Protein backbone atom coordinates (compact mmCIF):
# COMPACT_ATOMS: atom_id res chain seq x y z
CA UNK A 1 270.85 164.07 18.20
CA UNK A 2 272.42 161.15 16.34
CA UNK A 3 269.03 159.40 16.11
CA UNK A 4 267.40 162.31 14.32
CA UNK A 5 270.36 162.76 11.99
CA UNK A 6 270.38 159.10 10.95
CA UNK A 7 266.61 158.74 10.59
CA UNK A 8 266.28 162.02 8.70
CA UNK A 9 268.94 160.79 6.29
CA UNK A 10 266.81 157.77 5.41
CA UNK A 11 263.73 159.97 5.09
CA UNK A 12 265.56 162.27 2.67
CA UNK A 13 266.65 159.31 0.58
CA UNK A 14 263.06 158.05 0.55
CA UNK A 15 261.88 161.39 -0.82
CA UNK A 16 264.48 161.48 -3.57
CA UNK A 17 262.03 160.45 -6.28
CA UNK A 18 259.73 161.93 -8.88
CA UNK A 19 256.96 159.58 -7.76
CA UNK A 20 255.74 161.23 -4.56
CA UNK A 21 253.11 158.57 -3.98
CA UNK A 22 255.77 156.05 -3.00
CA UNK A 23 256.88 158.24 -0.09
CA UNK A 24 253.45 157.84 1.54
CA UNK A 25 253.99 154.08 2.05
CA UNK A 26 256.80 154.59 4.58
CA UNK A 27 257.25 157.24 7.24
CA UNK A 28 259.72 158.67 9.69
CA UNK A 29 257.93 156.65 12.37
CA UNK A 30 258.64 153.44 10.44
CA UNK A 31 262.36 154.25 10.30
CA UNK A 32 262.30 155.13 14.00
CA UNK A 33 260.88 151.68 14.76
CA UNK A 34 263.77 150.07 12.89
CA UNK A 35 266.23 152.35 14.68
CA UNK A 36 264.79 151.50 18.11
CA UNK A 37 265.40 147.80 17.53
CA UNK A 38 269.02 148.47 16.59
CA UNK A 39 269.55 150.65 19.67
CA UNK A 40 267.87 148.10 21.93
CA UNK A 41 270.19 145.38 20.67
CA UNK A 42 273.20 147.62 21.27
CA UNK A 43 272.09 148.50 24.81
CA UNK A 44 271.39 144.89 25.75
CA UNK A 45 274.73 143.72 24.37
CA UNK A 46 277.11 146.48 25.51
CA UNK A 47 280.15 144.21 25.68
CA UNK A 48 279.40 142.26 22.49
CA UNK A 49 281.49 142.56 19.36
CA UNK A 50 280.00 143.59 16.02
CA UNK A 51 279.44 140.01 14.82
CA UNK A 52 277.40 139.27 17.96
CA UNK A 53 275.35 142.45 17.44
CA UNK A 54 274.60 141.42 13.86
CA UNK A 55 273.64 137.94 15.00
CA UNK A 56 271.11 139.38 17.44
CA UNK A 57 269.64 141.66 14.78
CA UNK A 58 269.33 138.67 12.46
CA UNK A 59 267.49 136.63 15.11
CA UNK A 60 265.08 139.46 15.85
CA UNK A 61 264.38 140.18 12.19
CA UNK A 62 262.36 137.03 11.51
CA UNK A 63 264.19 136.52 8.21
CA UNK A 64 265.03 132.90 8.93
CA UNK A 65 261.45 132.04 9.87
CA UNK A 66 260.13 133.47 6.59
CA UNK A 67 262.78 131.72 4.49
CA UNK A 68 262.08 128.40 6.20
CA UNK A 69 258.34 128.82 5.68
CA UNK A 70 258.61 129.58 1.96
CA UNK A 71 261.29 127.06 0.98
CA UNK A 72 261.33 124.28 3.59
CA UNK A 73 257.70 124.12 4.70
CA UNK A 74 255.64 125.32 1.73
CA UNK A 75 258.34 124.21 -0.78
CA UNK A 76 257.47 127.09 -3.12
CA UNK A 77 260.73 126.49 -4.96
CA UNK A 78 263.22 123.65 -4.70
CA UNK A 79 265.75 126.03 -3.19
CA UNK A 80 267.38 129.45 -3.22
CA UNK A 81 270.56 131.33 -2.48
CA UNK A 82 270.24 134.91 -1.31
CA UNK A 83 272.57 137.69 -0.23
CA UNK A 84 271.58 141.04 1.20
CA UNK A 85 273.06 143.90 3.17
CA UNK A 86 275.44 146.79 2.65
CA UNK A 87 278.76 147.36 0.97
CA UNK A 88 280.41 146.43 4.28
CA UNK A 89 278.45 143.37 5.36
CA UNK A 90 276.44 140.68 3.56
CA UNK A 91 274.06 138.13 5.05
CA UNK A 92 274.03 135.06 2.81
CA UNK A 93 271.43 132.31 3.14
CA UNK A 94 271.48 128.97 1.33
CA UNK A 95 268.40 126.79 1.43
CA UNK A 96 266.99 123.73 -0.34
CA UNK A 97 268.10 121.85 -3.42
CA UNK A 98 269.43 122.83 -6.81
CA UNK A 99 267.90 119.62 -8.14
CA UNK A 100 265.14 117.28 -6.97
CA UNK A 101 264.45 114.92 -9.88
CA UNK A 102 265.71 113.72 -13.22
CA UNK A 103 263.75 112.13 -16.06
CA UNK A 104 264.98 109.34 -18.27
CA UNK A 105 262.78 107.79 -20.96
CA UNK A 106 259.72 109.39 -19.40
CA UNK A 107 260.45 107.98 -15.95
CA UNK A 108 261.02 110.26 -12.96
CA UNK A 109 263.79 109.47 -10.48
CA UNK A 110 264.60 111.30 -7.25
CA UNK A 111 268.05 112.90 -7.43
CA UNK A 112 268.54 115.46 -4.67
CA UNK A 113 271.45 117.89 -4.97
CA UNK A 114 271.80 120.60 -2.35
CA UNK A 115 272.25 124.28 -3.06
CA UNK A 116 275.64 125.77 -2.27
CA UNK A 117 277.21 129.20 -2.31
CA UNK A 118 278.62 128.78 -5.81
CA UNK A 119 275.43 127.49 -7.47
CA UNK A 120 274.88 129.01 -10.91
CA UNK A 121 271.36 130.19 -11.77
CA UNK A 122 269.44 131.12 -14.90
CA UNK A 123 268.94 134.89 -14.43
CA UNK A 124 266.08 135.02 -16.96
CA UNK A 125 264.80 138.62 -17.20
CA UNK A 126 267.43 139.93 -14.78
CA UNK A 127 269.55 139.88 -17.96
CA UNK A 128 267.67 143.07 -18.90
CA UNK A 129 269.63 144.97 -16.23
CA UNK A 130 272.84 144.26 -18.14
CA UNK A 131 271.29 145.38 -21.41
CA UNK A 132 270.10 148.62 -19.80
CA UNK A 133 273.53 149.37 -18.29
CA UNK A 134 275.25 148.56 -21.58
CA UNK A 135 272.99 150.93 -23.52
CA UNK A 136 273.30 153.71 -20.95
CA UNK A 137 277.09 153.42 -21.03
CA UNK A 138 277.01 153.86 -24.79
CA UNK A 139 274.74 156.89 -24.43
CA UNK A 140 277.67 158.72 -22.81
CA UNK A 141 279.52 158.60 -26.12
CA UNK A 142 279.33 161.82 -28.17
CA UNK A 143 278.06 159.95 -31.22
CA UNK A 144 275.18 158.18 -29.44
CA UNK A 145 272.02 159.74 -28.01
CA UNK A 146 268.96 158.11 -26.50
CA UNK A 147 266.79 160.21 -28.83
CA UNK A 148 268.42 158.48 -31.82
CA UNK A 149 266.08 156.30 -33.83
CA UNK A 150 266.57 152.55 -33.90
CA UNK A 151 266.76 152.59 -37.70
CA UNK A 152 269.82 154.88 -37.56
CA UNK A 153 271.75 151.86 -36.37
CA UNK A 154 269.73 148.87 -37.60
CA UNK A 155 267.66 149.93 -40.65
CA UNK A 156 266.44 146.35 -41.04
CA UNK A 157 263.81 147.09 -38.35
CA UNK A 158 261.66 148.73 -41.01
CA UNK A 159 258.51 148.87 -38.88
CA UNK A 160 260.27 150.85 -36.13
CA UNK A 161 260.64 154.14 -38.00
CA UNK A 162 260.43 156.93 -35.41
CA UNK A 163 261.12 154.62 -32.45
CA UNK A 164 264.04 155.81 -30.31
CA UNK A 165 266.52 154.09 -28.03
CA UNK A 166 264.80 155.85 -25.13
CA UNK A 167 261.51 154.26 -26.23
CA UNK A 168 263.02 150.79 -26.14
CA UNK A 169 264.56 151.34 -22.70
CA UNK A 170 261.16 152.26 -21.30
CA UNK A 171 259.55 149.11 -22.64
CA UNK A 172 257.77 150.60 -25.63
CA UNK A 173 255.18 147.85 -26.23
CA UNK A 174 256.27 145.93 -29.31
CA UNK A 175 254.89 142.87 -31.01
CA UNK A 176 256.09 140.67 -33.86
CA UNK A 177 254.23 139.06 -36.74
CA UNK A 178 254.48 135.52 -35.49
CA UNK A 179 255.96 133.99 -32.36
CA UNK A 180 259.72 133.86 -32.03
CA UNK A 181 259.53 130.87 -29.69
CA UNK A 182 257.75 128.89 -32.42
CA UNK A 183 260.56 129.42 -34.95
CA UNK A 184 262.29 126.30 -36.23
CA UNK A 185 265.78 127.83 -36.02
CA UNK A 186 267.75 131.01 -35.26
CA UNK A 187 267.49 132.32 -38.82
CA UNK A 188 263.70 132.14 -38.79
CA UNK A 189 263.57 133.63 -35.29
CA UNK A 190 265.59 136.65 -36.39
CA UNK A 191 263.34 137.15 -39.44
CA UNK A 192 260.34 137.21 -37.10
CA UNK A 193 262.08 139.68 -34.76
CA UNK A 194 262.71 142.04 -37.68
CA UNK A 195 258.91 142.33 -38.14
CA UNK A 196 258.63 144.05 -34.73
CA UNK A 197 256.17 146.94 -34.61
CA UNK A 198 254.56 149.15 -31.98
CA UNK A 199 251.29 147.87 -30.55
CA UNK A 200 248.21 149.94 -31.30
CA UNK A 201 246.30 151.74 -28.51
CA UNK A 202 243.55 149.16 -28.89
CA UNK A 203 246.04 146.31 -28.43
CA UNK A 204 247.42 148.04 -25.35
CA UNK A 205 244.13 148.87 -23.58
CA UNK A 206 244.59 148.08 -19.86
CA UNK A 207 247.61 145.90 -20.61
CA UNK A 208 251.19 146.17 -19.38
CA UNK A 209 253.84 147.65 -21.61
CA UNK A 210 256.37 145.14 -20.25
CA UNK A 211 257.74 143.07 -23.11
CA UNK A 212 260.82 141.15 -24.20
CA UNK A 213 260.93 142.47 -27.76
CA UNK A 214 262.23 145.96 -26.89
CA UNK A 215 265.40 144.71 -25.12
CA UNK A 216 265.81 142.09 -27.86
CA UNK A 217 265.95 144.91 -30.41
CA UNK A 218 268.40 146.83 -28.23
CA UNK A 219 270.80 143.89 -28.43
CA UNK A 220 271.20 144.50 -32.18
CA UNK A 221 271.62 148.24 -31.66
CA UNK A 222 274.37 147.70 -29.08
CA UNK A 223 276.15 145.21 -31.32
CA UNK A 224 275.98 147.60 -34.30
CA UNK A 225 277.38 150.52 -32.28
CA UNK A 226 280.18 148.53 -30.64
CA UNK A 227 281.07 146.09 -33.39
CA UNK A 228 281.04 143.39 -30.69
CA UNK A 229 278.56 140.71 -29.78
CA UNK A 230 276.47 141.66 -26.76
CA UNK A 231 278.04 139.23 -24.29
CA UNK A 232 281.59 140.28 -25.17
CA UNK A 233 280.69 143.94 -24.67
CA UNK A 234 279.01 143.17 -21.35
CA UNK A 235 282.01 141.08 -20.32
CA UNK A 236 284.44 143.88 -21.13
CA UNK A 237 282.49 146.74 -19.54
CA UNK A 238 280.53 145.10 -16.69
CA UNK A 239 281.79 141.63 -15.77
CA UNK A 240 285.52 142.30 -15.78
CA UNK A 241 285.44 145.62 -13.86
CA UNK A 242 283.38 143.98 -11.10
CA UNK A 243 285.20 140.63 -10.99
CA UNK A 244 282.11 138.68 -12.07
CA UNK A 245 283.97 135.49 -12.91
CA UNK A 246 281.03 133.08 -12.93
CA UNK A 247 278.59 134.89 -15.23
CA UNK A 248 278.04 133.27 -18.61
CA UNK A 249 275.77 133.08 -21.60
CA UNK A 250 277.05 129.60 -22.38
CA UNK A 251 278.02 127.83 -19.19
CA UNK A 252 281.33 125.99 -19.78
CA UNK A 253 281.23 122.22 -19.50
CA UNK A 254 283.36 122.15 -16.35
CA UNK A 255 280.82 124.38 -14.54
CA UNK A 256 277.60 122.61 -15.59
CA UNK A 257 277.50 120.55 -12.39
CA UNK A 258 277.11 123.83 -10.46
CA UNK A 259 273.97 124.92 -12.37
CA UNK A 260 270.61 124.82 -10.59
CA UNK A 261 268.10 122.68 -12.49
CA UNK A 262 265.20 124.71 -13.91
CA UNK A 263 263.92 121.91 -16.13
CA UNK A 264 260.72 119.86 -15.73
CA UNK A 265 258.20 122.65 -15.17
CA UNK A 266 254.71 121.20 -14.76
CA UNK A 267 251.60 122.47 -16.56
CA UNK A 268 248.10 121.10 -15.96
CA UNK A 269 246.10 121.26 -19.18
CA UNK A 270 242.35 121.92 -19.65
CA UNK A 271 241.83 118.40 -21.01
CA UNK A 272 242.94 116.92 -17.68
CA UNK A 273 246.40 115.83 -18.79
CA UNK A 274 249.72 116.90 -17.29
CA UNK A 275 252.54 118.30 -19.41
CA UNK A 276 256.11 118.30 -18.11
CA UNK A 277 258.30 120.76 -20.04
CA UNK A 278 261.73 119.25 -20.74
CA UNK A 279 263.05 122.08 -22.94
CA UNK A 280 265.47 123.55 -20.38
CA UNK A 281 268.17 120.97 -19.64
CA UNK A 282 270.93 122.19 -17.35
CA UNK A 283 272.78 125.06 -19.06
CA UNK A 284 269.82 125.99 -21.30
CA UNK A 285 267.64 128.99 -20.45
CA UNK A 286 263.99 128.59 -19.51
CA UNK A 287 263.14 131.38 -21.97
CA UNK A 288 262.42 129.69 -25.27
CA UNK A 289 263.01 132.89 -27.29
CA UNK A 290 266.51 133.26 -25.87
CA UNK A 291 267.16 129.58 -26.55
CA UNK A 292 266.08 129.63 -30.20
CA UNK A 293 268.10 132.82 -30.76
CA UNK A 294 271.24 130.96 -29.79
CA UNK A 295 271.88 130.98 -26.04
CA UNK A 296 273.04 127.32 -25.98
CA UNK A 297 275.66 128.28 -28.59
CA UNK A 298 276.75 131.43 -26.73
CA UNK A 299 274.62 134.07 -28.45
CA UNK A 300 273.10 136.40 -25.84
CA UNK A 301 269.70 138.05 -26.33
CA UNK A 302 268.96 141.35 -24.66
CA UNK A 303 266.04 140.11 -22.59
CA UNK A 304 267.26 136.80 -21.09
CA UNK A 305 270.07 134.30 -21.35
CA UNK A 306 272.66 135.07 -18.67
CA UNK A 307 273.62 132.61 -15.95
CA UNK A 308 275.28 133.79 -12.75
CA UNK A 309 275.90 133.24 -9.05
CA UNK A 310 274.78 135.22 -6.03
CA UNK A 311 278.38 136.30 -5.39
CA UNK A 312 278.66 137.73 -8.87
CA UNK A 313 275.29 139.50 -8.64
CA UNK A 314 276.34 141.13 -5.35
CA UNK A 315 279.41 142.40 -7.20
CA UNK A 316 277.12 143.70 -9.95
CA UNK A 317 274.88 145.50 -7.47
CA UNK A 318 277.78 147.06 -5.62
CA UNK A 319 279.33 148.05 -8.93
CA UNK A 320 276.08 149.93 -9.61
CA UNK A 321 276.18 151.54 -6.16
CA UNK A 322 279.80 152.68 -6.47
CA UNK A 323 279.49 153.91 -10.06
CA UNK A 324 281.98 151.33 -11.37
CA UNK A 325 279.78 150.20 -14.24
CA UNK A 326 277.24 152.99 -14.67
CA UNK A 327 277.64 156.75 -14.34
CA UNK A 328 275.64 158.17 -11.38
CA UNK A 329 273.69 160.45 -13.71
CA UNK A 330 272.72 157.51 -15.88
CA UNK A 331 271.73 155.49 -12.81
CA UNK A 332 269.31 158.29 -11.90
CA UNK A 333 267.84 158.15 -15.39
CA UNK A 334 267.46 154.39 -15.06
CA UNK A 335 265.63 154.80 -11.72
CA UNK A 336 263.04 157.33 -12.92
CA UNK A 337 259.44 156.15 -13.07
CA UNK A 338 258.56 156.28 -16.76
CA UNK A 339 255.06 154.80 -16.63
CA UNK A 340 253.03 156.89 -14.17
CA UNK A 341 250.23 157.37 -16.70
CA UNK A 342 249.78 153.69 -17.55
CA UNK A 343 246.74 151.75 -16.33
CA UNK A 344 246.86 147.97 -16.29
CA UNK A 345 244.16 145.44 -15.46
CA UNK A 346 245.48 142.44 -13.58
CA UNK A 347 243.61 139.83 -11.60
CA UNK A 348 240.44 141.96 -11.80
CA UNK A 349 242.12 145.13 -10.46
CA UNK A 350 243.39 148.27 -12.16
CA UNK A 351 246.85 149.40 -11.09
CA UNK A 352 249.67 151.62 -12.34
CA UNK A 353 252.92 149.78 -13.10
CA UNK A 354 256.26 151.42 -12.34
CA UNK A 355 259.07 150.90 -14.82
CA UNK A 356 262.36 152.69 -15.24
CA UNK A 357 264.85 151.80 -17.95
CA UNK A 358 264.42 148.01 -18.33
CA UNK A 359 263.81 147.70 -14.60
CA UNK A 360 261.18 148.05 -11.93
CA UNK A 361 261.10 151.11 -9.69
CA UNK A 362 258.99 151.68 -6.58
CA UNK A 363 255.22 151.48 -6.95
CA UNK A 364 252.56 153.35 -4.94
CA UNK A 365 250.68 150.12 -4.32
CA UNK A 366 252.35 147.91 -1.68
CA UNK A 367 250.92 144.81 -3.36
CA UNK A 368 252.53 145.55 -6.70
CA UNK A 369 255.83 147.08 -5.65
CA UNK A 370 258.65 144.57 -5.98
CA UNK A 371 260.85 147.01 -4.05
CA UNK A 372 260.47 147.26 -0.27
CA UNK A 373 258.74 150.59 0.57
CA UNK A 374 261.49 151.59 3.04
CA UNK A 375 264.25 151.62 0.44
CA UNK A 376 265.18 154.91 -1.17
CA UNK A 377 263.43 156.63 -4.03
CA UNK A 378 266.40 155.76 -6.23
CA UNK A 379 266.00 151.99 -5.92
CA UNK A 380 265.71 149.66 -8.90
CA UNK A 381 265.12 145.94 -9.29
CA UNK A 382 264.39 143.26 -11.81
CA UNK A 383 262.76 139.89 -11.43
CA UNK A 384 263.10 136.76 -13.54
CA UNK A 385 260.75 133.96 -14.57
CA UNK A 386 263.18 131.39 -13.21
CA UNK A 387 262.79 132.87 -9.71
CA UNK A 388 265.50 135.51 -9.67
CA UNK A 389 265.42 138.93 -8.00
CA UNK A 390 268.12 141.61 -8.06
CA UNK A 391 267.53 144.87 -6.17
CA UNK A 392 269.82 147.89 -5.81
CA UNK A 393 269.39 150.92 -3.52
CA UNK A 394 272.22 153.25 -4.50
CA UNK A 395 271.43 156.04 -2.00
CA UNK A 396 271.43 153.76 1.05
CA UNK A 397 274.14 151.48 -0.32
CA UNK A 398 271.96 148.37 -0.03
CA UNK A 399 271.60 145.32 -2.27
CA UNK A 400 269.18 142.40 -2.12
CA UNK A 401 269.74 139.39 -4.37
CA UNK A 402 267.69 136.20 -4.41
CA UNK A 403 268.25 133.48 -7.00
CA UNK A 404 266.18 130.32 -7.16
CA UNK A 405 265.03 127.54 -9.46
CA UNK A 406 261.27 127.80 -9.02
CA UNK A 407 260.48 126.26 -12.42
CA UNK A 408 262.07 122.91 -11.50
CA UNK A 409 259.49 120.24 -10.59
CA UNK A 410 256.82 122.85 -9.78
CA UNK A 411 253.40 123.64 -11.25
CA UNK A 412 253.59 126.89 -13.22
CA UNK A 413 250.14 126.95 -14.79
CA UNK A 414 246.74 125.31 -14.66
CA UNK A 415 243.24 126.09 -16.02
CA UNK A 416 240.61 127.98 -14.04
CA UNK A 417 239.55 125.94 -11.07
CA UNK A 418 242.64 123.76 -11.26
CA UNK A 419 244.11 124.66 -7.86
CA UNK A 420 242.28 121.78 -6.20
CA UNK A 421 243.66 119.34 -8.74
CA UNK A 422 247.19 120.57 -7.96
CA UNK A 423 246.60 119.61 -4.32
CA UNK A 424 245.05 116.27 -5.23
CA UNK A 425 248.12 115.37 -7.25
CA UNK A 426 250.37 116.32 -4.34
CA UNK A 427 252.14 118.97 -6.42
CA UNK A 428 253.35 122.45 -5.42
CA UNK A 429 251.78 125.52 -7.02
CA UNK A 430 254.54 128.00 -7.96
CA UNK A 431 252.39 130.08 -10.31
CA UNK A 432 252.23 132.96 -7.80
CA UNK A 433 255.86 132.73 -6.76
CA UNK A 434 256.22 136.50 -7.21
CA UNK A 435 254.37 137.04 -3.93
CA UNK A 436 256.21 134.26 -2.07
CA UNK A 437 259.53 135.70 -3.16
CA UNK A 438 258.38 139.20 -2.21
CA UNK A 439 257.79 138.05 1.39
CA UNK A 440 261.44 137.06 1.51
CA UNK A 441 262.97 140.05 -0.30
CA UNK A 442 260.92 142.52 1.76
CA UNK A 443 262.12 141.16 5.10
CA UNK A 444 265.68 140.91 3.78
CA UNK A 445 265.46 144.58 2.77
CA UNK A 446 264.18 145.51 6.20
CA UNK A 447 267.13 143.83 7.91
CA UNK A 448 269.54 145.44 5.43
CA UNK A 449 268.18 148.85 6.45
CA UNK A 450 268.87 148.01 10.09
CA UNK A 451 272.39 146.92 9.22
CA UNK A 452 272.89 150.26 7.47
CA UNK A 453 271.63 152.07 10.57
CA UNK A 454 274.02 150.05 12.71
CA UNK A 455 276.89 151.19 10.49
CA UNK A 456 275.84 154.80 10.91
CA UNK A 457 275.64 154.45 14.70
CA UNK A 458 278.97 152.68 15.14
CA UNK A 459 280.77 154.68 12.50
CA UNK A 460 284.45 154.23 11.72
CA UNK A 461 284.73 150.88 13.48
CA UNK A 462 283.13 149.02 10.61
CA UNK A 463 283.58 151.37 7.68
CA UNK A 464 285.62 150.08 4.77
CA UNK A 465 285.43 146.51 6.04
CA UNK A 466 284.16 143.55 4.05
CA UNK A 467 282.44 140.75 5.98
CA UNK A 468 279.83 138.15 5.23
CA UNK A 469 277.90 135.60 7.22
CA UNK A 470 276.92 132.42 5.39
CA UNK A 471 273.99 130.43 6.78
CA UNK A 472 272.83 127.04 5.49
CA UNK A 473 269.23 126.25 6.43
CA UNK A 474 268.06 122.65 6.60
């Protein structure tokens, strides 16, 4: 039967993982429930064309209700642009504002600017995906191996003797002597970075290995191997082959008006005062380390610093799926869970994080998996402080991209017991935006799976077609 063939295909893709625990979070019955909805829509709309079928699936999915709740009712971020689906069809949703306020001489003025399809976003840590792909491309060269030590290429990292490129890709926990974001200039920041060392077991007890220093070090390795600056190498090997024409480290002046505002993050301090961070004017990254290391001048760090659009990031994801920018074997290496023995204490609970090569992979715990449980075992994603999410499921041919400006005019931190004060001030708490965003990306992933099932059922009629549906929510 066609039903069994299609559903079993998704089940097999689910099981294609070295982390068996993730396969227990989704079952054949779950896929059958998705399939039943698709078949019911087809039966009730026998004479409808494919666009009408997709419209009915969209209405039944509940995606729009969730997006409206998060962005228009709860206002968890000023706005967002998202795109999700398959290599044949993309659902694109635009919601909210790319800017709400401006500040001049300490005075706040309302200045609403709506999101649009071409809005440019600070990718923040989603930049790490590009660093990972760049390094894995180089590892295919006969003169480069992931077991090579960092000091083979950049001997100036004297404290990283014995540390390999593989170690850096799997977030080997590093620390520097001094804070890079406190440096007075780029020269001082680089001197601090060169002091990087591996954290001791005591320093790592019940803490996450996730860190920015490892991909920052990889930037210098990549530049030494290629003889090119990191952005130029990424442009040549990733951006150009996938027609990513609006992805920058330094946004050109003519495009600045398209950039979503991530400035004016709000922090409530223990002394009762309110601090509004004005260090990320339009075109400058929210990550202070990337900024001091030269992003405003066009110098890309390995951990943050890229700006891009949803359209470009869909091209990136589909380039990953089709093997245009990363060899399939290297994609599989990227998607392996490298941290199954780690134990991290967070919010009073102990959990096991799941990291591949500078990315997240599926986690056994539904609360802490950024990737929807129904996607394949070869799925990867990365999230960014600015509100970004980029997810790729190569086996099912699915991408989910959500870019937002959650740090603009939102409360990002407050002392213990400060939640009530946030409400009293009439502000919006975006400190737990990870979970708000996850509500959206999970339901988008669910609908993308149904779209993929629809393609399998209908077959040749919609294969090798490229369509998109753009929806503006108000």
